[in-house]
Amino acid sequence: MQIGTRQFFQTQVNSMNDLQTQIGKIQEQVSSGKSIMVPSDDPGGYTTAARLGQSEASIQQYSRNIGVAKSRLGQEDTVLSSAANILSRLNELMIEGSNGTNSQSSRTAISDEMTQLSDQLVALGNTKDPNGDYLFGGYKTSQPPFVNTADGVAYVGDTGRKEVELADGVSTPTASNGNELFMNASRDANGKPISIFQVIKSATDQLAAGNLTNDNVSQIQAAIDHNSAYQSICGSRLQKVDNVDQNGQTLLVNVQQDKSAVEDADLTKLASELQQKTLTLNASESVFAKVAQLSLFNYLK
C-alpha cells in the first residue's frame, strides 16, 4: 500500500502552521502600523526605537512643564500690569493730595481711594494659579501670602521661587515671590526696604494730618519703578520659555520622524505580502486536502 509518510504529512502541517503564523504577524503589523513588535523582529531597530521613545517622552514632559511655566508667568504678567495701573493711580492721588489747598473732605476722599487701592493690591498678591495654588507665596502655596494685621499688611509666604525644568539643564522660576514684588517696593529715609502697603499707609496718615509731602510722592514713584523692573524680569522669563518651547517642538518633530523611520510599517508592502502568503496558504491547504483524501482512499482500497 502506498500512503504519504508521517514525515510528509508533518512537513506539510508545519509549513501551513508557519504560513499562518506569518500571516498573523503581518496582520498584527498592519493593525498596529509598526514593523517592530518585539526585540526579535529587529534587535538593533528595537533598541533604537526604544531610545527614541524615551527621548520623545522626555520632551513631552518638558512640554508639559513649559505649559505650567507659561500659565503661571502669564498670570504674573497680568498681575503686574494691574499693579502698574494701581500704582499709577496712587501716584496721581499723592500728587493731588500733596496740594496744600485741599479741603478736609477732599483729603478724606483721596485717603479712602488710596486705602481701596491698597486692598486691591492685597487681592492681587493673593492671586491663585489654575491649580488653586497661591502664585506669590513662594513655596507656601496653600495659604494666602498676604494678610491684614493690626500693624498693617503682612507677608506670610517665604522667599522661595517655584521652578520647573524646561529642557535638560534649563529651568526657570514660574513666578516671583510676594516678598520681592510687594514688600521691597521702596526705601525709607534710612534706606531700609519698605512695602508698598507701608508706602500707602504712611501717605494716608500724612494726608489725614494735612502733611503729605514730596517724600511720599518719591516713594510711590520708586514703587512704580520697582514694579516695572519685575515686569521686565517676568517678560524675560516668558521669552526664555517661548524660545525653549520652539526648540523643543522642533526637536520633538525630528525625534518622532526618526522613530517613525525605524519602526513604522510599509503598509503597501505588507498588504502585498499578506495577499501572497494568504494565496499560498490557501493553495497548500487545498493540495494537502486532496493528497490526504487520495492517500486515505488508496489505503481503504
Foldseek 3Di string as FASTA:
>chain_A
DDFDDPVVLVVLVVVLVVLVVVLVLLVVCLVVLWQDDDCVSPVVLVVLLVVLVVVLVQLVVLVVQLVLLLQLLVLQLVLLVVLLVLLVVLLVLLVVLLPLVDDLVSLVVSLVVLVVSLVVNLVSQQDATPVRFRSAQAVRGNDRQWDQDPVGIHGPGDQHFDKDANDVVRMDGSHGHPCQLFQQQFADPVRHGGGPRVLSVVQSVCSNVSRRDVVSSVRSVSSSVSSVVVSVVSVVRNVVSVVSSVVSVVVSVVSVVVSCVSIGDPSVVSVVVSVVSVVVSVVSVVVSVVSNVVSVVVVVD
